[in-house]
Amino acid sequence: QVQLVESGGGLVQAGGSLRLSCAASRSIFSFNRMGWYRQVPGKQRELVATIMSGGSTNYADSVKGRFTISRDDAENTVYLQMNSLKPEDTSAYYCNAATTFRVYWGQGTQVTVSS
């Protein structure tokens, strides 16, 4: 069973930065894609950013230019650097890892941006 453990969430003022980490319990080489999603109560979970095994990245329009996804294969960790945070970025953020046959989720970490 794969475990994804997120960390790095917290409370930050608008305009500030946070870096989220997602540590996997096995080599992230085994995943075709890893990513970050977010969800607020009453709304669907939405994609924030993904990174493929080859390194290509994809971002939601709402975070382009502000967020950066990266990976450290040696540490089996994926990061989400979030800059210029806005109150509307307030959400629970979830790490996601996908193979051809399965999708795994972390437990989530809360990010709160105050105005």
C-alpha atoms as a PDB file:
ATOM      1  CA  GLN A   1       0.000   0.000   0.000  1.00  0.00           C
ATOM      2  CA  VAL A   2       1.365   3.390  -0.990  1.00  0.00           C
ATOM      3  CA  GLN A   3       1.355   6.212   1.521  1.00  0.00           C
ATOM      4  CA  LEU A   4       1.522   9.867   0.568  1.00  0.00           C
ATOM      5  CA  VAL A   5       2.196  12.233   3.440  1.00  0.00           C
ATOM      6  CA  GLU A   6       1.677  15.958   2.904  1.00  0.00           C
ATOM      7  CA  SER A   7       3.184  18.677   5.019  1.00  0.00           C
ATOM      8  CA  GLY A   8       3.845  22.391   4.882  1.00  0.00           C
ATOM      9  CA  GLY A   9       0.364  23.819   5.128  1.00  0.00           C
ATOM     10  CA  GLY A  10      -0.540  26.612   7.502  1.00  0.00           C
ATOM     11  CA  LEU A  11      -1.759  30.158   7.895  1.00  0.00           C
ATOM     12  CA  VAL A  12      -0.184  32.894   5.796  1.00  0.00           C
ATOM     13  CA  GLN A  13      -1.042  36.463   4.876  1.00  0.00           C
ATOM     14  CA  ALA A  14      -2.044  37.373   1.357  1.00  0.00           C
ATOM     15  CA  GLY A  15       1.030  37.866  -0.780  1.00  0.00           C
ATOM     16  CA  GLY A  16       3.019  35.367   1.230  1.00  0.00           C
ATOM     17  CA  SER A  17       4.493  32.004   0.307  1.00  0.00           C
ATOM     18  CA  LEU A  18       4.295  28.403   1.428  1.00  0.00           C
ATOM     19  CA  ARG A  19       5.922  25.215   0.210  1.00  0.00           C
ATOM     20  CA  LEU A  20       3.978  21.988   0.417  1.00  0.00           C
ATOM     21  CA  SER A  21       5.745  18.633   0.455  1.00  0.00           C
ATOM     22  CA  CYS A  22       4.413  15.191  -0.427  1.00  0.00           C
ATOM     23  CA  ALA A  23       6.572  12.295   0.678  1.00  0.00           C
ATOM     24  CA  ALA A  24       5.839   8.932  -0.917  1.00  0.00           C
ATOM     25  CA  SER A  25       6.446   5.581   0.760  1.00  0.00           C
ATOM     26  CA  ARG A  26       8.040   4.168  -2.367  1.00  0.00           C
ATOM     27  CA  SER A  27      10.022   5.391  -5.330  1.00  0.00           C
ATOM     28  CA  ILE A  28       8.162   8.058  -7.250  1.00  0.00           C
ATOM     29  CA  PHE A  29       9.668   6.630 -10.436  1.00  0.00           C
ATOM     30  CA  SER A  30       6.860   4.083 -10.196  1.00  0.00           C
ATOM     31  CA  PHE A  31       4.201   6.747 -10.786  1.00  0.00           C
ATOM     32  CA  ASN A  32       3.249   8.015 -14.224  1.00  0.00           C
ATOM     33  CA  ARG A  33       2.046  11.264 -12.767  1.00  0.00           C
ATOM     34  CA  MET A  34       2.026  13.083  -9.470  1.00  0.00           C
ATOM     35  CA  GLY A  35       0.128  16.181  -8.595  1.00  0.00           C
ATOM     36  CA  TRP A  36      -1.606  18.501  -6.220  1.00  0.00           C
ATOM     37  CA  TYR A  37      -5.328  19.066  -5.960  1.00  0.00           C
ATOM     38  CA  ARG A  38      -7.372  21.232  -3.639  1.00  0.00           C
ATOM     39  CA  GLN A  39     -10.869  21.167  -2.248  1.00  0.00           C
ATOM     40  CA  VAL A  40     -13.007  23.484  -0.180  1.00  0.00           C
ATOM     41  CA  PRO A  41     -16.125  22.230   1.612  1.00  0.00           C
ATOM     42  CA  GLY A  42     -19.103  21.921  -0.687  1.00  0.00           C
ATOM     43  CA  LYS A  43     -17.066  22.051  -3.873  1.00  0.00           C
ATOM     44  CA  GLN A  44     -15.441  19.478  -6.110  1.00  0.00           C
ATOM     45  CA  ARG A  45     -11.782  18.709  -5.781  1.00  0.00           C
ATOM     46  CA  GLU A  46      -9.869  20.629  -8.424  1.00  0.00           C
ATOM     47  CA  LEU A  47      -6.513  20.178 -10.075  1.00  0.00           C
ATOM     48  CA  VAL A  48      -3.778  22.586  -9.054  1.00  0.00           C
ATOM     49  CA  ALA A  49      -0.684  21.186 -10.741  1.00  0.00           C
ATOM     50  CA  THR A  50       0.712  17.927 -12.078  1.00  0.00           C
ATOM     51  CA  ILE A  51       4.148  16.660 -12.993  1.00  0.00           C
ATOM     52  CA  MET A  52       4.710  13.679 -15.231  1.00  0.00           C
ATOM     53  CA  SER A  53       7.419  11.066 -14.823  1.00  0.00           C
ATOM     54  CA  GLY A  54       9.293  12.732 -17.678  1.00  0.00           C
ATOM     55  CA  GLY A  55       9.150  16.080 -15.921  1.00  0.00           C
ATOM     56  CA  SER A  56       6.514  17.935 -17.918  1.00  0.00           C
ATOM     57  CA  THR A  57       4.180  20.048 -15.831  1.00  0.00           C
ATOM     58  CA  ASN A  58       0.642  21.348 -16.032  1.00  0.00           C
ATOM     59  CA  TYR A  59      -1.073  24.058 -13.988  1.00  0.00           C
ATOM     60  CA  ALA A  60      -4.551  25.333 -13.386  1.00  0.00           C
ATOM     61  CA  ASP A  61      -5.015  28.760 -14.944  1.00  0.00           C
ATOM     62  CA  SER A  62      -5.710  30.238 -11.521  1.00  0.00           C
ATOM     63  CA  VAL A  63      -2.212  29.390 -10.240  1.00  0.00           C
ATOM     64  CA  LYS A  64      -0.059  29.809 -13.352  1.00  0.00           C
ATOM     65  CA  GLY A  65       2.875  32.078 -12.691  1.00  0.00           C
ATOM     66  CA  ARG A  66       2.457  31.800  -8.920  1.00  0.00           C
ATOM     67  CA  PHE A  67       2.802  28.090  -8.109  1.00  0.00           C
ATOM     68  CA  THR A  68       5.584  25.703  -9.121  1.00  0.00           C
ATOM     69  CA  ILE A  69       5.491  21.930  -8.871  1.00  0.00           C
ATOM     70  CA  SER A  70       8.748  20.017  -8.664  1.00  0.00           C
ATOM     71  CA  ARG A  71      10.059  16.632  -7.685  1.00  0.00           C
ATOM     72  CA  ASP A  72      13.080  15.233  -5.885  1.00  0.00           C
ATOM     73  CA  ASP A  73      13.451  11.660  -7.047  1.00  0.00           C
ATOM     74  CA  ALA A  74      16.166  10.873  -4.534  1.00  0.00           C
ATOM     75  CA  GLU A  75      13.888  11.919  -1.666  1.00  0.00           C
ATOM     76  CA  ASN A  76      10.705  10.442  -3.212  1.00  0.00           C
ATOM     77  CA  THR A  77       9.084  13.808  -2.651  1.00  0.00           C
ATOM     78  CA  VAL A  78       7.018  16.195  -4.724  1.00  0.00           C
ATOM     79  CA  TYR A  79       6.798  19.864  -3.817  1.00  0.00           C
ATOM     80  CA  LEU A  80       4.405  22.700  -4.495  1.00  0.00           C
ATOM     81  CA  GLN A  81       5.948  26.131  -4.095  1.00  0.00           C
ATOM     82  CA  MET A  82       3.158  28.649  -3.692  1.00  0.00           C
ATOM     83  CA  ASN A  83       3.981  32.334  -4.048  1.00  0.00           C
ATOM     84  CA  SER A  84       1.816  35.457  -4.114  1.00  0.00           C
ATOM     85  CA  LEU A  85      -0.896  33.620  -2.228  1.00  0.00           C
ATOM     86  CA  LYS A  86      -4.434  34.945  -2.361  1.00  0.00           C
ATOM     87  CA  PRO A  87      -7.362  34.419   0.008  1.00  0.00           C
ATOM     88  CA  GLU A  88      -9.049  32.360  -2.709  1.00  0.00           C
ATOM     89  CA  ASP A  89      -6.173  29.859  -2.471  1.00  0.00           C
ATOM     90  CA  THR A  90      -7.486  28.872   0.959  1.00  0.00           C
ATOM     91  CA  SER A  91      -8.266  25.177   0.760  1.00  0.00           C
ATOM     92  CA  ALA A  92      -7.256  21.692   1.783  1.00  0.00           C
ATOM     93  CA  TYR A  93      -4.481  20.569  -0.551  1.00  0.00           C
ATOM     94  CA  TYR A  94      -4.108  16.913  -1.479  1.00  0.00           C
ATOM     95  CA  CYS A  95      -1.209  15.045  -3.024  1.00  0.00           C
ATOM     96  CA  ASN A  96      -2.025  12.577  -5.783  1.00  0.00           C
ATOM     97  CA  ALA A  97       0.004   9.829  -7.419  1.00  0.00           C
ATOM     98  CA  ALA A  98      -1.099   7.726 -10.348  1.00  0.00           C
ATOM     99  CA  THR A  99       0.084   4.541 -11.996  1.00  0.00           C
ATOM    100  CA  THR A 100      -1.529   2.952 -15.022  1.00  0.00           C
ATOM    101  CA  PHE A 101      -3.923   1.043 -12.776  1.00  0.00           C
ATOM    102  CA  ARG A 102      -4.343   2.975  -9.540  1.00  0.00           C
ATOM    103  CA  VAL A 103      -4.609   6.416  -8.059  1.00  0.00           C
ATOM    104  CA  TYR A 104      -3.411   7.254  -4.562  1.00  0.00           C
ATOM    105  CA  TRP A 105      -4.262  10.211  -2.335  1.00  0.00           C
ATOM    106  CA  GLY A 106      -2.697  11.756   0.708  1.00  0.00           C
ATOM    107  CA  GLN A 107      -4.643  12.867   3.761  1.00  0.00           C
ATOM    108  CA  GLY A 108      -4.450  16.560   2.885  1.00  0.00           C
ATOM    109  CA  THR A 109      -2.930  19.649   4.420  1.00  0.00           C
ATOM    110  CA  GLN A 110      -4.798  22.878   5.097  1.00  0.00           C
ATOM    111  CA  VAL A 111      -3.682  26.179   3.615  1.00  0.00           C
ATOM    112  CA  THR A 112      -5.342  29.327   4.913  1.00  0.00           C
ATOM    113  CA  VAL A 113      -4.577  32.721   3.378  1.00  0.00           C
ATOM    114  CA  SER A 114      -5.737  35.745   5.341  1.00  0.00           C
ATOM    115  CA  SER A 115      -6.544  39.044   3.674  1.00  0.00           C
END
